[in-house]
Amino acid sequence: MEYIYDVIIIGGGPAGYTAALYAARAGLDTLIIEKMAPGGQMTLTGDIDNYPGFDDGIDGFTLGMKMQQGAEKFGAKTEYAEITSVDFSDKTKLINTYDGTFHAKSVIIAAGAHPKTLGIPDEEELTGMGMHYCAHCDGRFYKDKTVAVIGGGNSAVADALYLARLAKKVYLIHRRDSLRAEKIYLKPLSEAKNIEFVFDSTVHRIIHDNGVKGLEILSTDNSKREIECDGIFVSIGRQPSTAFLGDAILLDSNGYIVADETTKTNIDGVFAAGDIRTKTLRQIVTAAADGAVAAHYAEEYISQN
């Protein structure tokens, strides 16, 4: 007979381990399946100073480990495996991995979302060394310095405006001849005197020497230009980690799981927490809040079924 967990949590980031903490404390037999290491996208952030309770800040790796330890203290288990597919069609949910199949009465999907990258040489190696994907996470390192923001949508403009309050100068680089952001941003943009627009341009090369020193941009007329900057913030969207789900659950047009503030999905007994679901703000604290909510409703579902 296969072993059936009360709840399986997919993803070991802040949403996943908060859900595991609440579920395990409620007496549910809880398993977290994580592909890489505890913390999720937090591990890409050196210092986190916008998560409550750490007045001197904390690095993402350490926070992830602390979250794992807190959940496992109450009996939650962690399995490191890569999920290949899921089957939510029956009352017992199946999670298929390269290491075997796991069974659960309920499932909390907290696999997160990752930033889209530029896909240019040296980008991955320079992540955390001048290459960033979260202005609110890492912007404070660039007070009175020069930064570049890549993108032209609402997120990119919001990041540029946020960084303009910290940095000496902000370049906003967009591949088209005008921004895609909503008109509400036009007035604050016009008032931000330290933002320079660079339209019809893409990043061709990162200039670096033990860290970002600048970038070379390629314009639509094939001319090149070098820009000196201390940091680069890529804001061209995020990609939810939902490929393994196939058509097992309802996704929105951008690939995020459709779930409201209850974290309930269109499948009974399956919940979505953190960056993987449709939401307005994707931060560590909002992911953790989702995890607590999802665990509550998972407990309720199990008690009623």
C-alpha atoms as a PDB file:
ATOM      1  CA  MET A   1       0.000   0.000   0.000  1.00  0.00           C
ATOM      2  CA  GLU A   2       1.349   3.412  -0.925  1.00  0.00           C
ATOM      3  CA  TYR A   3       1.900   5.900   1.880  1.00  0.00           C
ATOM      4  CA  ILE A   4      -0.472   8.874   1.785  1.00  0.00           C
ATOM      5  CA  TYR A   5       0.571  12.185   3.345  1.00  0.00           C
ATOM      6  CA  ASP A   6      -1.991  14.605   4.685  1.00  0.00           C
ATOM      7  CA  VAL A   7      -0.408  17.394   2.673  1.00  0.00           C
ATOM      8  CA  ILE A   8       2.408  17.595   0.162  1.00  0.00           C
ATOM      9  CA  ILE A   9       3.906  21.020  -0.422  1.00  0.00           C
ATOM     10  CA  ILE A  10       5.622  21.605  -3.758  1.00  0.00           C
ATOM     11  CA  GLY A  11       8.447  24.093  -3.297  1.00  0.00           C
ATOM     12  CA  GLY A  12      10.655  24.983  -0.378  1.00  0.00           C
ATOM     13  CA  GLY A  13      10.632  28.768  -0.487  1.00  0.00           C
ATOM     14  CA  PRO A  14       9.012  31.106   2.069  1.00  0.00           C
ATOM     15  CA  ALA A  15       5.485  30.110   0.998  1.00  0.00           C
ATOM     16  CA  GLY A  16       6.287  26.407   1.103  1.00  0.00           C
ATOM     17  CA  TYR A  17       8.045  26.326   4.442  1.00  0.00           C
ATOM     18  CA  THR A  18       5.534  28.638   6.102  1.00  0.00           C
ATOM     19  CA  ALA A  19       2.771  26.309   4.895  1.00  0.00           C
ATOM     20  CA  ALA A  20       4.778  23.366   6.228  1.00  0.00           C
ATOM     21  CA  LEU A  21       5.231  25.044   9.607  1.00  0.00           C
ATOM     22  CA  TYR A  22       1.514  25.743  10.004  1.00  0.00           C
ATOM     23  CA  ALA A  23       0.470  22.338   8.691  1.00  0.00           C
ATOM     24  CA  ALA A  24       2.912  20.402  10.875  1.00  0.00           C
ATOM     25  CA  ARG A  25       1.952  22.415  13.982  1.00  0.00           C
ATOM     26  CA  ALA A  26      -1.667  21.506  13.239  1.00  0.00           C
ATOM     27  CA  GLY A  27      -0.731  17.833  13.394  1.00  0.00           C
ATOM     28  CA  LEU A  28      -0.838  17.142   9.657  1.00  0.00           C
ATOM     29  CA  ASP A  29       1.619  14.644   8.186  1.00  0.00           C
ATOM     30  CA  THR A  30       3.522  17.052   5.965  1.00  0.00           C
ATOM     31  CA  LEU A  31       6.057  16.578   3.169  1.00  0.00           C
ATOM     32  CA  ILE A  32       7.871  19.342   1.273  1.00  0.00           C
ATOM     33  CA  ILE A  33       9.259  18.442  -2.150  1.00  0.00           C
ATOM     34  CA  GLU A  34      12.032  20.829  -3.177  1.00  0.00           C
ATOM     35  CA  LYS A  35      14.134  20.589  -6.324  1.00  0.00           C
ATOM     36  CA  MET A  36      17.254  22.448  -5.229  1.00  0.00           C
ATOM     37  CA  ALA A  37      17.713  23.982  -1.784  1.00  0.00           C
ATOM     38  CA  PRO A  38      15.589  25.678   0.905  1.00  0.00           C
ATOM     39  CA  GLY A  39      14.769  29.308   0.246  1.00  0.00           C
ATOM     40  CA  GLY A  40      13.794  29.428  -3.402  1.00  0.00           C
ATOM     41  CA  GLN A  41      14.490  32.811  -5.021  1.00  0.00           C
ATOM     42  CA  MET A  42      15.602  34.150  -1.616  1.00  0.00           C
ATOM     43  CA  THR A  43      18.930  32.383  -2.045  1.00  0.00           C
ATOM     44  CA  LEU A  44      19.757  34.820  -4.888  1.00  0.00           C
ATOM     45  CA  THR A  45      19.538  37.765  -2.490  1.00  0.00           C
ATOM     46  CA  GLY A  46      22.555  38.623  -0.384  1.00  0.00           C
ATOM     47  CA  ASP A  47      20.979  40.814   2.279  1.00  0.00           C
ATOM     48  CA  ILE A  48      17.269  40.948   3.078  1.00  0.00           C
ATOM     49  CA  ASP A  49      16.206  43.885   5.207  1.00  0.00           C
ATOM     50  CA  ASN A  50      12.476  44.063   4.440  1.00  0.00           C
ATOM     51  CA  TYR A  51      11.425  40.880   6.248  1.00  0.00           C
ATOM     52  CA  PRO A  52      10.168  41.576   9.785  1.00  0.00           C
ATOM     53  CA  GLY A  53      12.167  40.453  12.790  1.00  0.00           C
ATOM     54  CA  PHE A  54      15.727  40.936  11.542  1.00  0.00           C
ATOM     55  CA  ASP A  55      16.783  44.476  12.391  1.00  0.00           C
ATOM     56  CA  ASP A  56      20.295  43.902  11.005  1.00  0.00           C
ATOM     57  CA  GLY A  57      18.980  42.099   7.920  1.00  0.00           C
ATOM     58  CA  ILE A  58      19.626  38.484   6.992  1.00  0.00           C
ATOM     59  CA  ASP A  59      20.968  36.779   3.893  1.00  0.00           C
ATOM     60  CA  GLY A  60      18.550  34.743   1.796  1.00  0.00           C
ATOM     61  CA  PHE A  61      20.295  31.401   2.252  1.00  0.00           C
ATOM     62  CA  THR A  62      20.279  31.695   6.035  1.00  0.00           C
ATOM     63  CA  LEU A  63      16.626  32.747   6.117  1.00  0.00           C
ATOM     64  CA  GLY A  64      15.716  29.775   3.947  1.00  0.00           C
ATOM     65  CA  MET A  65      17.560  27.391   6.269  1.00  0.00           C
ATOM     66  CA  LYS A  66      15.857  28.902   9.318  1.00  0.00           C
ATOM     67  CA  MET A  67      12.451  28.459   7.706  1.00  0.00           C
ATOM     68  CA  GLN A  68      13.238  24.824   6.946  1.00  0.00           C
ATOM     69  CA  GLN A  69      14.450  24.176  10.487  1.00  0.00           C
ATOM     70  CA  GLY A  70      11.340  25.805  11.953  1.00  0.00           C
ATOM     71  CA  ALA A  71       9.016  23.564   9.929  1.00  0.00           C
ATOM     72  CA  GLU A  72      11.016  20.397  10.534  1.00  0.00           C
ATOM     73  CA  LYS A  73      11.066  21.102  14.273  1.00  0.00           C
ATOM     74  CA  PHE A  74       7.345  20.282  14.263  1.00  0.00           C
ATOM     75  CA  GLY A  75       7.721  17.150  12.160  1.00  0.00           C
ATOM     76  CA  ALA A  76       7.598  18.316   8.543  1.00  0.00           C
ATOM     77  CA  LYS A  77       9.810  16.277   6.210  1.00  0.00           C
ATOM     78  CA  THR A  78      11.786  17.470   3.183  1.00  0.00           C
ATOM     79  CA  GLU A  79      12.387  15.409   0.048  1.00  0.00           C
ATOM     80  CA  TYR A  80      14.792  16.708  -2.588  1.00  0.00           C
ATOM     81  CA  ALA A  81      13.424  15.662  -5.964  1.00  0.00           C
ATOM     82  CA  GLU A  82      12.410  17.094  -9.312  1.00  0.00           C
ATOM     83  CA  ILE A  83       8.734  16.782 -10.157  1.00  0.00           C
ATOM     84  CA  THR A  84       7.911  15.512 -13.646  1.00  0.00           C
ATOM     85  CA  SER A  85       4.106  15.595 -13.544  1.00  0.00           C
ATOM     86  CA  VAL A  86       1.079  15.584 -11.263  1.00  0.00           C
ATOM     87  CA  ASP A  87      -2.335  13.931 -11.262  1.00  0.00           C
ATOM     88  CA  PHE A  88      -5.103  15.677  -9.348  1.00  0.00           C
ATOM     89  CA  SER A  89      -7.996  13.783 -10.962  1.00  0.00           C
ATOM     90  CA  ASP A  90      -8.753  11.537  -7.949  1.00  0.00           C
ATOM     91  CA  LYS A  91      -9.256  12.150  -4.258  1.00  0.00           C
ATOM     92  CA  THR A  92      -5.682  11.012  -3.620  1.00  0.00           C
ATOM     93  CA  LYS A  93      -3.327  13.399  -5.407  1.00  0.00           C
ATOM     94  CA  LEU A  94      -0.260  11.983  -7.179  1.00  0.00           C
ATOM     95  CA  ILE A  95       3.079  13.793  -7.420  1.00  0.00           C
ATOM     96  CA  ASN A  96       5.417  12.072  -9.886  1.00  0.00           C
ATOM     97  CA  THR A  97       9.177  12.668  -9.606  1.00  0.00           C
ATOM     98  CA  TYR A  98      12.316  11.112 -11.052  1.00  0.00           C
ATOM     99  CA  ASP A  99      12.674   9.384  -7.673  1.00  0.00           C
ATOM    100  CA  GLY A 100       9.190   7.917  -7.523  1.00  0.00           C
ATOM    101  CA  THR A 101       5.553   8.854  -6.922  1.00  0.00           C
ATOM    102  CA  PHE A 102       4.252  10.522  -3.767  1.00  0.00           C
ATOM    103  CA  HIS A 103       0.617  10.454  -2.625  1.00  0.00           C
ATOM    104  CA  ALA A 104      -1.323  13.073  -0.646  1.00  0.00           C
ATOM    105  CA  LYS A 105      -4.802  13.968   0.527  1.00  0.00           C
ATOM    106  CA  SER A 106      -4.110  17.631  -0.271  1.00  0.00           C
ATOM    107  CA  VAL A 107      -1.461  19.596  -2.138  1.00  0.00           C
ATOM    108  CA  ILE A 108      -0.089  23.112  -1.721  1.00  0.00           C
ATOM    109  CA  ILE A 109       1.751  24.335  -4.814  1.00  0.00           C
ATOM    110  CA  ALA A 110       4.420  26.857  -3.846  1.00  0.00           C
ATOM    111  CA  ALA A 111       6.960  26.393  -6.623  1.00  0.00           C
ATOM    112  CA  GLY A 112       7.361  30.134  -7.136  1.00  0.00           C
ATOM    113  CA  ALA A 113       8.283  32.163 -10.196  1.00  0.00           C
ATOM    114  CA  HIS A 114      11.640  33.204 -11.524  1.00  0.00           C
ATOM    115  CA  PRO A 115      12.625  36.436 -13.259  1.00  0.00           C
ATOM    116  CA  LYS A 116      13.053  36.363 -17.000  1.00  0.00           C
ATOM    117  CA  THR A 117      16.679  36.913 -17.938  1.00  0.00           C
ATOM    118  CA  LEU A 118      18.288  38.777 -20.807  1.00  0.00           C
ATOM    119  CA  GLY A 119      20.010  35.620 -22.033  1.00  0.00           C
ATOM    120  CA  ILE A 120      23.347  37.296 -22.718  1.00  0.00           C
ATOM    121  CA  PRO A 121      26.895  36.171 -21.864  1.00  0.00           C
ATOM    122  CA  ASP A 122      28.093  36.542 -18.253  1.00  0.00           C
ATOM    123  CA  GLU A 123      24.613  37.361 -16.963  1.00  0.00           C
ATOM    124  CA  GLU A 124      24.323  34.338 -14.685  1.00  0.00           C
ATOM    125  CA  GLU A 125      27.863  34.708 -13.336  1.00  0.00           C
ATOM    126  CA  LEU A 126      27.255  38.356 -12.454  1.00  0.00           C
ATOM    127  CA  THR A 127      23.967  37.772 -10.626  1.00  0.00           C
ATOM    128  CA  GLY A 128      24.414  39.349  -7.202  1.00  0.00           C
ATOM    129  CA  MET A 129      27.568  41.116  -8.428  1.00  0.00           C
ATOM    130  CA  GLY A 130      25.818  44.007 -10.111  1.00  0.00           C
ATOM    131  CA  MET A 131      23.103  42.038 -11.951  1.00  0.00           C
ATOM    132  CA  HIS A 132      19.783  42.125 -10.106  1.00  0.00           C
ATOM    133  CA  TYR A 133      16.158  41.174 -10.679  1.00  0.00           C
ATOM    134  CA  CYS A 134      14.444  42.820  -7.699  1.00  0.00           C
ATOM    135  CA  ALA A 135      14.797  46.564  -7.196  1.00  0.00           C
ATOM    136  CA  HIS A 136      13.069  46.549  -3.818  1.00  0.00           C
ATOM    137  CA  CYS A 137      15.361  43.769  -2.620  1.00  0.00           C
ATOM    138  CA  ASP A 138      18.707  45.150  -3.752  1.00  0.00           C
ATOM    139  CA  GLY A 139      18.175  48.810  -4.615  1.00  0.00           C
ATOM    140  CA  ARG A 140      19.547  50.066  -1.316  1.00  0.00           C
ATOM    141  CA  PHE A 141      23.058  48.988  -2.337  1.00  0.00           C
ATOM    142  CA  TYR A 142      23.060  51.708  -5.000  1.00  0.00           C
ATOM    143  CA  LYS A 143      22.422  54.844  -2.999  1.00  0.00           C
ATOM    144  CA  ASP A 144      24.034  57.788  -4.827  1.00  0.00           C
ATOM    145  CA  LYS A 145      25.277  55.475  -7.592  1.00  0.00           C
ATOM    146  CA  THR A 146      24.288  54.950 -11.233  1.00  0.00           C
ATOM    147  CA  VAL A 147      22.043  52.078 -12.287  1.00  0.00           C
ATOM    148  CA  ALA A 148      20.298  50.835 -15.411  1.00  0.00           C
ATOM    149  CA  VAL A 149      16.808  49.336 -15.542  1.00  0.00           C
ATOM    150  CA  ILE A 150      15.951  47.077 -18.466  1.00  0.00           C
ATOM    151  CA  GLY A 151      12.288  46.955 -19.511  1.00  0.00           C
ATOM    152  CA  GLY A 152       9.372  49.142 -20.481  1.00  0.00           C
ATOM    153  CA  GLY A 153       6.315  47.814 -18.682  1.00  0.00           C
ATOM    154  CA  ASN A 154       4.695  48.774 -15.386  1.00  0.00           C
ATOM    155  CA  SER A 155       7.208  46.810 -13.306  1.00  0.00           C
ATOM    156  CA  ALA A 156      10.220  48.339 -15.038  1.00  0.00           C
ATOM    157  CA  VAL A 157       8.877  51.881 -14.649  1.00  0.00           C
ATOM    158  CA  ALA A 158       7.967  51.278 -11.007  1.00  0.00           C
ATOM    159  CA  ASP A 159      11.484  49.920 -10.416  1.00  0.00           C
ATOM    160  CA  ALA A 160      13.033  52.952 -12.140  1.00  0.00           C
ATOM    161  CA  LEU A 161      10.982  55.355 -10.005  1.00  0.00           C
ATOM    162  CA  TYR A 162      11.902  53.486  -6.837  1.00  0.00           C
ATOM    163  CA  LEU A 163      15.600  53.466  -7.731  1.00  0.00           C
ATOM    164  CA  ALA A 164      15.473  57.145  -8.695  1.00  0.00           C
ATOM    165  CA  ARG A 165      14.826  57.939  -5.028  1.00  0.00           C
ATOM    166  CA  LEU A 166      18.060  56.193  -4.082  1.00  0.00           C
ATOM    167  CA  ALA A 167      20.453  56.378  -6.999  1.00  0.00           C
ATOM    168  CA  LYS A 168      22.257  59.364  -8.435  1.00  0.00           C
ATOM    169  CA  LYS A 169      21.156  58.452 -11.965  1.00  0.00           C
ATOM    170  CA  VAL A 170      18.885  55.839 -13.545  1.00  0.00           C
ATOM    171  CA  TYR A 171      18.962  54.756 -17.174  1.00  0.00           C
ATOM    172  CA  LEU A 172      15.681  53.189 -18.333  1.00  0.00           C
ATOM    173  CA  ILE A 173      16.454  51.050 -21.369  1.00  0.00           C
ATOM    174  CA  HIS A 174      13.637  49.742 -23.548  1.00  0.00           C
ATOM    175  CA  ARG A 175      13.719  47.915 -26.860  1.00  0.00           C
ATOM    176  CA  ARG A 176      10.778  49.874 -28.311  1.00  0.00           C
ATOM    177  CA  ASP A 177      10.325  53.579 -29.096  1.00  0.00           C
ATOM    178  CA  SER A 178       7.892  54.136 -26.222  1.00  0.00           C
ATOM    179  CA  LEU A 179       7.036  52.634 -22.859  1.00  0.00           C
ATOM    180  CA  ARG A 180       4.335  50.005 -22.432  1.00  0.00           C
ATOM    181  CA  ALA A 181       3.596  51.205 -18.902  1.00  0.00           C
ATOM    182  CA  GLU A 182       0.230  52.694 -17.995  1.00  0.00           C
ATOM    183  CA  LYS A 183      -0.346  56.442 -18.310  1.00  0.00           C
ATOM    184  CA  ILE A 184      -0.522  56.832 -14.535  1.00  0.00           C
ATOM    185  CA  TYR A 185       3.284  56.587 -14.502  1.00  0.00           C
ATOM    186  CA  LEU A 186       3.850  59.456 -16.940  1.00  0.00           C
ATOM    187  CA  LYS A 187       3.591  62.296 -14.424  1.00  0.00           C
ATOM    188  CA  PRO A 188       6.006  60.860 -11.827  1.00  0.00           C
ATOM    189  CA  LEU A 189       8.384  59.935 -14.636  1.00  0.00           C
ATOM    190  CA  SER A 190       8.397  63.486 -15.946  1.00  0.00           C
ATOM    191  CA  GLU A 191       9.124  64.753 -12.442  1.00  0.00           C
ATOM    192  CA  ALA A 192      12.051  62.361 -11.868  1.00  0.00           C
ATOM    193  CA  LYS A 193      14.934  64.467 -13.163  1.00  0.00           C
ATOM    194  CA  ASN A 194      17.544  61.753 -12.710  1.00  0.00           C
ATOM    195  CA  ILE A 195      15.923  59.201 -15.057  1.00  0.00           C
ATOM    196  CA  GLU A 196      17.272  59.094 -18.624  1.00  0.00           C
ATOM    197  CA  PHE A 197      15.337  57.158 -21.265  1.00  0.00           C
ATOM    198  CA  VAL A 198      17.188  54.991 -23.766  1.00  0.00           C
ATOM    199  CA  PHE A 199      14.677  53.807 -26.361  1.00  0.00           C
ATOM    200  CA  ASP A 200      15.003  51.459 -29.337  1.00  0.00           C
ATOM    201  CA  SER A 201      17.844  49.677 -27.593  1.00  0.00           C
ATOM    202  CA  THR A 202      18.753  46.273 -26.188  1.00  0.00           C
ATOM    203  CA  VAL A 203      21.644  45.149 -24.008  1.00  0.00           C
ATOM    204  CA  HIS A 204      24.346  43.702 -26.219  1.00  0.00           C
ATOM    205  CA  ARG A 205      27.086  43.096 -23.659  1.00  0.00           C
ATOM    206  CA  ILE A 206      27.789  43.561 -19.956  1.00  0.00           C
ATOM    207  CA  ILE A 207      30.987  45.418 -19.176  1.00  0.00           C
ATOM    208  CA  HIS A 208      32.490  43.932 -16.035  1.00  0.00           C
ATOM    209  CA  ASP A 209      35.604  43.418 -13.961  1.00  0.00           C
ATOM    210  CA  ASN A 210      34.850  41.563 -10.710  1.00  0.00           C
ATOM    211  CA  GLY A 211      31.411  43.114 -10.949  1.00  0.00           C
ATOM    212  CA  VAL A 212      29.301  45.238 -13.271  1.00  0.00           C
ATOM    213  CA  LYS A 213      31.003  48.339 -14.631  1.00  0.00           C
ATOM    214  CA  GLY A 214      28.560  49.198 -17.384  1.00  0.00           C
ATOM    215  CA  LEU A 215      26.839  47.844 -20.452  1.00  0.00           C
ATOM    216  CA  GLU A 216      26.974  48.077 -24.204  1.00  0.00           C
ATOM    217  CA  ILE A 217      23.632  48.685 -25.861  1.00  0.00           C
ATOM    218  CA  LEU A 218      22.634  47.993 -29.433  1.00  0.00           C
ATOM    219  CA  SER A 219      20.118  50.321 -31.048  1.00  0.00           C
ATOM    220  CA  THR A 220      17.684  49.428 -33.800  1.00  0.00           C
ATOM    221  CA  ASP A 221      19.920  51.145 -36.369  1.00  0.00           C
ATOM    222  CA  ASN A 222      22.731  48.720 -35.336  1.00  0.00           C
ATOM    223  CA  SER A 223      24.811  51.431 -33.707  1.00  0.00           C
ATOM    224  CA  LYS A 224      26.413  50.651 -30.349  1.00  0.00           C
ATOM    225  CA  ARG A 225      26.879  52.751 -27.252  1.00  0.00           C
ATOM    226  CA  GLU A 226      28.498  52.140 -23.903  1.00  0.00           C
ATOM    227  CA  ILE A 227      26.875  53.263 -20.646  1.00  0.00           C
ATOM    228  CA  GLU A 228      28.732  53.347 -17.354  1.00  0.00           C
ATOM    229  CA  CYS A 229      26.732  52.060 -14.400  1.00  0.00           C
ATOM    230  CA  ASP A 230      27.271  50.358 -11.076  1.00  0.00           C
ATOM    231  CA  GLY A 231      24.280  48.026 -11.243  1.00  0.00           C
ATOM    232  CA  ILE A 232      21.773  46.579 -13.700  1.00  0.00           C
ATOM    233  CA  PHE A 233      18.171  45.738 -12.792  1.00  0.00           C
ATOM    234  CA  VAL A 234      16.355  43.462 -15.228  1.00  0.00           C
ATOM    235  CA  SER A 235      12.578  43.954 -15.175  1.00  0.00           C
ATOM    236  CA  ILE A 236      11.184  42.196 -18.233  1.00  0.00           C
ATOM    237  CA  GLY A 237       8.702  39.983 -16.433  1.00  0.00           C
ATOM    238  CA  ARG A 238       8.644  36.763 -14.455  1.00  0.00           C
ATOM    239  CA  GLN A 239       8.092  33.168 -15.452  1.00  0.00           C
ATOM    240  CA  PRO A 240       5.952  31.039 -13.112  1.00  0.00           C
ATOM    241  CA  SER A 241       7.288  27.549 -12.438  1.00  0.00           C
ATOM    242  CA  THR A 242       4.158  25.772 -13.653  1.00  0.00           C
ATOM    243  CA  ALA A 243       5.412  23.722 -16.616  1.00  0.00           C
ATOM    244  CA  PHE A 244       5.321  20.471 -14.619  1.00  0.00           C
ATOM    245  CA  LEU A 245       1.593  20.922 -13.962  1.00  0.00           C
ATOM    246  CA  GLY A 246       0.553  20.414 -17.593  1.00  0.00           C
ATOM    247  CA  ASP A 247      -3.214  20.851 -17.827  1.00  0.00           C
ATOM    248  CA  ALA A 248      -3.877  19.524 -14.324  1.00  0.00           C
ATOM    249  CA  ILE A 249      -4.933  22.911 -12.992  1.00  0.00           C
ATOM    250  CA  LEU A 250      -6.321  26.221 -14.241  1.00  0.00           C
ATOM    251  CA  LEU A 251      -3.693  28.794 -15.223  1.00  0.00           C
ATOM    252  CA  ASP A 252      -4.138  32.390 -16.328  1.00  0.00           C
ATOM    253  CA  SER A 253      -2.886  33.784 -19.646  1.00  0.00           C
ATOM    254  CA  ASN A 254       0.565  34.406 -18.150  1.00  0.00           C
ATOM    255  CA  GLY A 255       0.935  30.897 -16.790  1.00  0.00           C
ATOM    256  CA  TYR A 256       0.195  31.678 -13.133  1.00  0.00           C
ATOM    257  CA  ILE A 257      -2.179  29.488 -11.130  1.00  0.00           C
ATOM    258  CA  VAL A 258      -5.608  31.047 -10.793  1.00  0.00           C
ATOM    259  CA  ALA A 259      -6.199  31.373  -7.053  1.00  0.00           C
ATOM    260  CA  ASP A 260      -7.502  34.218  -4.927  1.00  0.00           C
ATOM    261  CA  GLU A 261      -6.626  35.246  -1.366  1.00  0.00           C
ATOM    262  CA  THR A 262      -7.994  31.937  -0.060  1.00  0.00           C
ATOM    263  CA  THR A 263      -5.267  30.227  -2.162  1.00  0.00           C
ATOM    264  CA  LYS A 264      -7.938  27.778  -3.388  1.00  0.00           C
ATOM    265  CA  THR A 265      -7.571  26.596  -6.982  1.00  0.00           C
ATOM    266  CA  ASN A 266     -10.193  25.101  -9.294  1.00  0.00           C
ATOM    267  CA  ILE A 267      -9.303  21.635  -7.936  1.00  0.00           C
ATOM    268  CA  ASP A 268     -10.669  20.662  -4.512  1.00  0.00           C
ATOM    269  CA  GLY A 269      -7.847  19.983  -2.093  1.00  0.00           C
ATOM    270  CA  VAL A 270      -5.218  21.793  -4.163  1.00  0.00           C
ATOM    271  CA  PHE A 271      -3.981  25.223  -3.129  1.00  0.00           C
ATOM    272  CA  ALA A 272      -1.512  27.731  -4.593  1.00  0.00           C
ATOM    273  CA  ALA A 273       0.694  29.911  -2.392  1.00  0.00           C
ATOM    274  CA  GLY A 274       3.294  32.557  -3.072  1.00  0.00           C
ATOM    275  CA  ASP A 275       4.651  33.871  -6.344  1.00  0.00           C
ATOM    276  CA  ILE A 276       3.126  31.065  -8.406  1.00  0.00           C
ATOM    277  CA  ARG A 277      -0.430  32.359  -8.043  1.00  0.00           C
ATOM    278  CA  THR A 278      -2.125  35.435  -9.477  1.00  0.00           C
ATOM    279  CA  LYS A 279      -1.388  38.362  -7.147  1.00  0.00           C
ATOM    280  CA  THR A 280      -0.370  42.018  -7.135  1.00  0.00           C
ATOM    281  CA  LEU A 281       2.727  41.944  -4.914  1.00  0.00           C
ATOM    282  CA  ARG A 282       5.357  39.207  -4.900  1.00  0.00           C
ATOM    283  CA  GLN A 283       7.570  39.576  -1.838  1.00  0.00           C
ATOM    284  CA  ILE A 284       8.880  37.205   0.844  1.00  0.00           C
ATOM    285  CA  VAL A 285       6.373  38.460   3.386  1.00  0.00           C
ATOM    286  CA  THR A 286       3.388  38.013   1.045  1.00  0.00           C
ATOM    287  CA  ALA A 287       4.567  34.517   0.119  1.00  0.00           C
ATOM    288  CA  ALA A 288       4.821  33.590   3.787  1.00  0.00           C
ATOM    289  CA  ALA A 289       1.312  34.930   4.390  1.00  0.00           C
ATOM    290  CA  ASP A 290      -0.003  32.792   1.534  1.00  0.00           C
ATOM    291  CA  GLY A 291       1.643  29.737   3.068  1.00  0.00           C
ATOM    292  CA  ALA A 292      -0.204  30.223   6.355  1.00  0.00           C
ATOM    293  CA  VAL A 293      -3.517  30.708   4.555  1.00  0.00           C
ATOM    294  CA  ALA A 294      -3.002  27.642   2.362  1.00  0.00           C
ATOM    295  CA  ALA A 295      -2.185  25.448   5.368  1.00  0.00           C
ATOM    296  CA  HIS A 296      -5.361  26.636   7.105  1.00  0.00           C
ATOM    297  CA  TYR A 297      -7.570  25.719   4.166  1.00  0.00           C
ATOM    298  CA  ALA A 298      -5.727  22.424   3.612  1.00  0.00           C
ATOM    299  CA  GLU A 299      -6.442  21.499   7.236  1.00  0.00           C
ATOM    300  CA  GLU A 300     -10.080  22.469   6.749  1.00  0.00           C
ATOM    301  CA  TYR A 301     -10.327  20.405   3.561  1.00  0.00           C
ATOM    302  CA  ILE A 302      -8.855  17.303   5.215  1.00  0.00           C
ATOM    303  CA  SER A 303     -11.147  17.577   8.224  1.00  0.00           C
ATOM    304  CA  GLN A 304     -14.189  17.718   5.933  1.00  0.00           C
ATOM    305  CA  ASN A 305     -13.093  14.909   3.632  1.00  0.00           C
END
